Amino acid sequence: MFDRLSFPQPWLSLILFLTWQILSDGLSGGSIALGLFLAWLIPQITHGFWPERPAFVKTWRMPAYILRVLMDIVVASFSVAWLILSPRPPRPAFVCYPLKLEHPLAISILASTISLTPGTVSADVSDDNKTLLIHALDATDDQEVIDAIYNRYEKPLMEMFQ
């Protein structure tokens, strides 16, 4: 019985509750009650879409990862703007990135991070989840792109998930 009353995705429930409170017209008993109800109901309804809980081992590393990604987005935005304004043409390339991550959520976070960073896009994940196809706007060497992604993103994700 208590299993039905529990929150199957506590982080999702917390985010839903906080989002509801931010979007509501003010803090009241009704908005808190409805926010708690929605924070419980939505994860219950979508429980089938969440086959397993994320296997975070070191969750305290996530804020540093998010800050790194935000900083890289800003730096890459200026780099792409400089590339567009410079007379030198870009050197686009498709790079096959060998994945060391195994958890599907970790692979998803890595692919999303790559796509969020200006100048790179995750194009495809292989069927066996071992290779990520990345399009880089300006790449002189495939190995340089692979090393940069591994050191900046995949290695910290491996520490968080394994």
C-alpha atoms as a PDB file:
ATOM      1  CA  MET A   1       0.000   0.000   0.000  1.00  0.00           C
ATOM      2  CA  PHE A   2       2.746   2.457   0.905  1.00  0.00           C
ATOM      3  CA  ASP A   3       4.452   1.691  -2.398  1.00  0.00           C
ATOM      4  CA  ARG A   4       1.531   3.326  -4.219  1.00  0.00           C
ATOM      5  CA  LEU A   5       1.771   6.383  -2.023  1.00  0.00           C
ATOM      6  CA  SER A   6       5.506   6.797  -2.517  1.00  0.00           C
ATOM      7  CA  PHE A   7       7.201   9.016  -5.049  1.00  0.00           C
ATOM      8  CA  PRO A   8       8.752   6.744  -7.716  1.00  0.00           C
ATOM      9  CA  GLN A   9      10.887   9.602  -9.061  1.00  0.00           C
ATOM     10  CA  PRO A  10      11.637  11.889  -6.091  1.00  0.00           C
ATOM     11  CA  TRP A  11      13.815  14.344  -8.031  1.00  0.00           C
ATOM     12  CA  LEU A  12      11.170  14.678 -10.744  1.00  0.00           C
ATOM     13  CA  SER A  13       8.542  15.209  -8.052  1.00  0.00           C
ATOM     14  CA  LEU A  14      10.644  17.920  -6.414  1.00  0.00           C
ATOM     15  CA  ILE A  15      11.213  19.687  -9.728  1.00  0.00           C
ATOM     16  CA  LEU A  16       7.501  19.465 -10.596  1.00  0.00           C
ATOM     17  CA  PHE A  17       6.504  20.834  -7.186  1.00  0.00           C
ATOM     18  CA  LEU A  18       8.966  23.746  -7.366  1.00  0.00           C
ATOM     19  CA  THR A  19       7.971  24.526 -10.952  1.00  0.00           C
ATOM     20  CA  TRP A  20       4.311  24.567  -9.953  1.00  0.00           C
ATOM     21  CA  GLN A  21       5.032  26.942  -7.082  1.00  0.00           C
ATOM     22  CA  ILE A  22       6.994  29.272  -9.353  1.00  0.00           C
ATOM     23  CA  LEU A  23       4.231  29.289 -11.984  1.00  0.00           C
ATOM     24  CA  SER A  24       1.355  29.697  -9.533  1.00  0.00           C
ATOM     25  CA  ASP A  25       0.050  33.165  -8.741  1.00  0.00           C
ATOM     26  CA  GLY A  26       1.228  33.074  -5.155  1.00  0.00           C
ATOM     27  CA  LEU A  27       2.010  30.796  -2.273  1.00  0.00           C
ATOM     28  CA  SER A  28      -1.199  29.493  -0.708  1.00  0.00           C
ATOM     29  CA  GLY A  29      -2.490  26.325   0.861  1.00  0.00           C
ATOM     30  CA  GLY A  30      -4.328  25.417  -2.327  1.00  0.00           C
ATOM     31  CA  SER A  31      -1.291  25.856  -4.567  1.00  0.00           C
ATOM     32  CA  ILE A  32       0.862  23.812  -2.181  1.00  0.00           C
ATOM     33  CA  ALA A  33      -1.758  21.041  -2.009  1.00  0.00           C
ATOM     34  CA  LEU A  34      -2.232  20.969  -5.783  1.00  0.00           C
ATOM     35  CA  GLY A  35       1.539  21.121  -6.322  1.00  0.00           C
ATOM     36  CA  LEU A  36       2.066  18.127  -4.019  1.00  0.00           C
ATOM     37  CA  PHE A  37      -0.754  16.246  -5.734  1.00  0.00           C
ATOM     38  CA  LEU A  38       0.705  16.893  -9.208  1.00  0.00           C
ATOM     39  CA  ALA A  39       4.219  16.062  -7.971  1.00  0.00           C
ATOM     40  CA  TRP A  40       2.834  12.695  -6.853  1.00  0.00           C
ATOM     41  CA  LEU A  41       0.418  12.041  -9.759  1.00  0.00           C
ATOM     42  CA  ILE A  42       2.606  12.826 -12.790  1.00  0.00           C
ATOM     43  CA  PRO A  43       5.435  10.423 -11.811  1.00  0.00           C
ATOM     44  CA  GLN A  44       2.792   7.764 -11.041  1.00  0.00           C
ATOM     45  CA  ILE A  45       1.311   8.157 -14.527  1.00  0.00           C
ATOM     46  CA  THR A  46       4.678   8.219 -16.291  1.00  0.00           C
ATOM     47  CA  HIS A  47       6.175   5.414 -14.166  1.00  0.00           C
ATOM     48  CA  GLY A  48       6.160   3.045 -17.166  1.00  0.00           C
ATOM     49  CA  PHE A  49       8.465   5.368 -19.095  1.00  0.00           C
ATOM     50  CA  TRP A  50      11.112   5.163 -16.361  1.00  0.00           C
ATOM     51  CA  PRO A  51      12.426   1.577 -16.540  1.00  0.00           C
ATOM     52  CA  GLU A  52      15.003   2.069 -13.792  1.00  0.00           C
ATOM     53  CA  ARG A  53      16.124   4.767 -11.434  1.00  0.00           C
ATOM     54  CA  PRO A  54      19.236   6.698 -12.433  1.00  0.00           C
ATOM     55  CA  ALA A  55      22.315   5.106 -10.943  1.00  0.00           C
ATOM     56  CA  PHE A  56      23.898   8.264  -9.586  1.00  0.00           C
ATOM     57  CA  VAL A  57      26.784   7.427  -7.304  1.00  0.00           C
ATOM     58  CA  LYS A  58      28.272  10.866  -6.735  1.00  0.00           C
ATOM     59  CA  THR A  59      25.394  13.305  -7.070  1.00  0.00           C
ATOM     60  CA  TRP A  60      27.360  16.153  -5.492  1.00  0.00           C
ATOM     61  CA  ARG A  61      29.407  16.400  -8.713  1.00  0.00           C
ATOM     62  CA  MET A  62      26.361  17.422 -10.773  1.00  0.00           C
ATOM     63  CA  PRO A  63      26.469  21.174  -9.894  1.00  0.00           C
ATOM     64  CA  ALA A  64      30.120  21.401 -11.009  1.00  0.00           C
ATOM     65  CA  TYR A  65      29.222  19.574 -14.236  1.00  0.00           C
ATOM     66  CA  ILE A  66      26.326  21.959 -14.911  1.00  0.00           C
ATOM     67  CA  LEU A  67      28.567  24.990 -14.296  1.00  0.00           C
ATOM     68  CA  ARG A  68      31.202  23.555 -16.651  1.00  0.00           C
ATOM     69  CA  VAL A  69      28.585  23.029 -19.365  1.00  0.00           C
ATOM     70  CA  LEU A  70      27.193  26.556 -18.929  1.00  0.00           C
ATOM     71  CA  MET A  71      30.687  28.032 -19.114  1.00  0.00           C
ATOM     72  CA  ASP A  72      31.467  25.969 -22.219  1.00  0.00           C
ATOM     73  CA  ILE A  73      28.243  27.145 -23.859  1.00  0.00           C
ATOM     74  CA  VAL A  74      29.259  30.782 -23.367  1.00  0.00           C
ATOM     75  CA  VAL A  75      32.840  30.222 -24.563  1.00  0.00           C
ATOM     76  CA  ALA A  76      31.705  28.150 -27.560  1.00  0.00           C
ATOM     77  CA  SER A  77      29.153  30.823 -28.503  1.00  0.00           C
ATOM     78  CA  PHE A  78      31.924  33.373 -28.805  1.00  0.00           C
ATOM     79  CA  SER A  79      34.123  30.893 -30.690  1.00  0.00           C
ATOM     80  CA  VAL A  80      31.374  30.152 -33.213  1.00  0.00           C
ATOM     81  CA  ALA A  81      30.653  33.871 -33.635  1.00  0.00           C
ATOM     82  CA  TRP A  82      34.359  34.520 -34.216  1.00  0.00           C
ATOM     83  CA  LEU A  83      34.500  31.662 -36.738  1.00  0.00           C
ATOM     84  CA  ILE A  84      31.518  33.017 -38.642  1.00  0.00           C
ATOM     85  CA  LEU A  85      32.932  36.547 -38.744  1.00  0.00           C
ATOM     86  CA  SER A  86      36.463  35.482 -39.694  1.00  0.00           C
ATOM     87  CA  PRO A  87      37.462  35.040 -43.333  1.00  0.00           C
ATOM     88  CA  ARG A  88      38.696  31.483 -42.697  1.00  0.00           C
ATOM     89  CA  PRO A  89      36.102  28.901 -43.727  1.00  0.00           C
ATOM     90  CA  PRO A  90      35.025  26.356 -41.114  1.00  0.00           C
ATOM     91  CA  ARG A  91      36.232  22.757 -41.330  1.00  0.00           C
ATOM     92  CA  PRO A  92      33.117  20.693 -40.588  1.00  0.00           C
ATOM     93  CA  ALA A  93      33.526  17.021 -39.796  1.00  0.00           C
ATOM     94  CA  PHE A  94      31.600  14.009 -38.607  1.00  0.00           C
ATOM     95  CA  VAL A  95      33.372  12.281 -35.736  1.00  0.00           C
ATOM     96  CA  CYS A  96      32.624   8.766 -34.480  1.00  0.00           C
ATOM     97  CA  TYR A  97      33.002   9.053 -30.736  1.00  0.00           C
ATOM     98  CA  PRO A  98      33.625   5.751 -28.893  1.00  0.00           C
ATOM     99  CA  LEU A  99      31.443   5.704 -25.778  1.00  0.00           C
ATOM    100  CA  LYS A 100      32.723   4.386 -22.492  1.00  0.00           C
ATOM    101  CA  LEU A 101      29.472   5.216 -20.706  1.00  0.00           C
ATOM    102  CA  GLU A 102      27.007   2.357 -20.375  1.00  0.00           C
ATOM    103  CA  HIS A 103      23.993   3.793 -18.557  1.00  0.00           C
ATOM    104  CA  PRO A 104      21.330   5.056 -21.018  1.00  0.00           C
ATOM    105  CA  LEU A 105      20.660   8.209 -18.974  1.00  0.00           C
ATOM    106  CA  ALA A 106      24.360   9.051 -18.892  1.00  0.00           C
ATOM    107  CA  ILE A 107      24.603   8.605 -22.673  1.00  0.00           C
ATOM    108  CA  SER A 108      21.550  10.825 -23.075  1.00  0.00           C
ATOM    109  CA  ILE A 109      23.051  13.529 -20.873  1.00  0.00           C
ATOM    110  CA  LEU A 110      26.314  13.384 -22.846  1.00  0.00           C
ATOM    111  CA  ALA A 111      24.511  13.614 -26.197  1.00  0.00           C
ATOM    112  CA  SER A 112      22.385  16.513 -24.933  1.00  0.00           C
ATOM    113  CA  THR A 113      25.434  18.308 -23.561  1.00  0.00           C
ATOM    114  CA  ILE A 114      27.217  17.988 -26.904  1.00  0.00           C
ATOM    115  CA  SER A 115      24.165  19.312 -28.749  1.00  0.00           C
ATOM    116  CA  LEU A 116      23.740  22.222 -26.310  1.00  0.00           C
ATOM    117  CA  THR A 117      27.300  23.377 -26.888  1.00  0.00           C
ATOM    118  CA  PRO A 118      27.419  25.610 -29.982  1.00  0.00           C
ATOM    119  CA  GLY A 119      29.490  24.173 -32.805  1.00  0.00           C
ATOM    120  CA  THR A 120      28.721  20.519 -32.079  1.00  0.00           C
ATOM    121  CA  VAL A 121      25.664  18.331 -32.548  1.00  0.00           C
ATOM    122  CA  SER A 122      25.006  14.732 -31.562  1.00  0.00           C
ATOM    123  CA  ALA A 123      23.702  13.144 -34.725  1.00  0.00           C
ATOM    124  CA  ASP A 124      23.178   9.483 -33.814  1.00  0.00           C
ATOM    125  CA  VAL A 125      23.850   6.780 -31.249  1.00  0.00           C
ATOM    126  CA  SER A 126      24.696   3.326 -32.554  1.00  0.00           C
ATOM    127  CA  ASP A 127      22.292   0.468 -31.874  1.00  0.00           C
ATOM    128  CA  ASP A 128      24.726  -1.132 -29.425  1.00  0.00           C
ATOM    129  CA  ASN A 129      25.266   2.201 -27.543  1.00  0.00           C
ATOM    130  CA  LYS A 130      29.008   2.042 -28.169  1.00  0.00           C
ATOM    131  CA  THR A 131      29.428   4.915 -30.666  1.00  0.00           C
ATOM    132  CA  LEU A 132      28.090   8.441 -30.818  1.00  0.00           C
ATOM    133  CA  LEU A 133      28.120  10.238 -34.169  1.00  0.00           C
ATOM    134  CA  ILE A 134      28.973  13.913 -33.659  1.00  0.00           C
ATOM    135  CA  HIS A 135      29.017  16.743 -36.169  1.00  0.00           C
ATOM    136  CA  ALA A 136      31.621  19.381 -35.341  1.00  0.00           C
ATOM    137  CA  LEU A 137      31.490  22.749 -37.072  1.00  0.00           C
ATOM    138  CA  ASP A 138      35.232  23.286 -36.960  1.00  0.00           C
ATOM    139  CA  ALA A 139      37.467  20.278 -36.354  1.00  0.00           C
ATOM    140  CA  THR A 140      41.076  19.991 -37.399  1.00  0.00           C
ATOM    141  CA  ASP A 141      41.539  16.500 -35.972  1.00  0.00           C
ATOM    142  CA  ASP A 142      39.022  13.832 -34.932  1.00  0.00           C
ATOM    143  CA  GLN A 143      41.157  12.727 -32.004  1.00  0.00           C
ATOM    144  CA  GLU A 144      41.276  16.286 -30.667  1.00  0.00           C
ATOM    145  CA  VAL A 145      37.456  16.401 -30.606  1.00  0.00           C
ATOM    146  CA  ILE A 146      37.294  12.960 -28.959  1.00  0.00           C
ATOM    147  CA  ASP A 147      39.819  13.918 -26.284  1.00  0.00           C
ATOM    148  CA  ALA A 148      38.077  17.218 -25.523  1.00  0.00           C
ATOM    149  CA  ILE A 149      34.659  15.573 -25.131  1.00  0.00           C
ATOM    150  CA  TYR A 150      36.065  12.747 -23.031  1.00  0.00           C
ATOM    151  CA  ASN A 151      37.980  15.000 -20.633  1.00  0.00           C
ATOM    152  CA  ARG A 152      35.331  17.716 -20.285  1.00  0.00           C
ATOM    153  CA  TYR A 153      32.100  15.708 -20.290  1.00  0.00           C
ATOM    154  CA  GLU A 154      32.304  11.916 -20.410  1.00  0.00           C
ATOM    155  CA  LYS A 155      34.872  11.452 -17.664  1.00  0.00           C
ATOM    156  CA  PRO A 156      32.869  13.497 -15.101  1.00  0.00           C
ATOM    157  CA  LEU A 157      29.685  11.645 -16.144  1.00  0.00           C
ATOM    158  CA  MET A 158      31.444   8.316 -15.647  1.00  0.00           C
ATOM    159  CA  GLU A 159      32.377   9.417 -12.132  1.00  0.00           C
ATOM    160  CA  MET A 160      28.755  10.338 -11.418  1.00  0.00           C
ATOM    161  CA  PHE A 161      27.167   7.186 -12.860  1.00  0.00           C
ATOM    162  CA  GLN A 162      29.681   4.378 -12.210  1.00  0.00           C
END
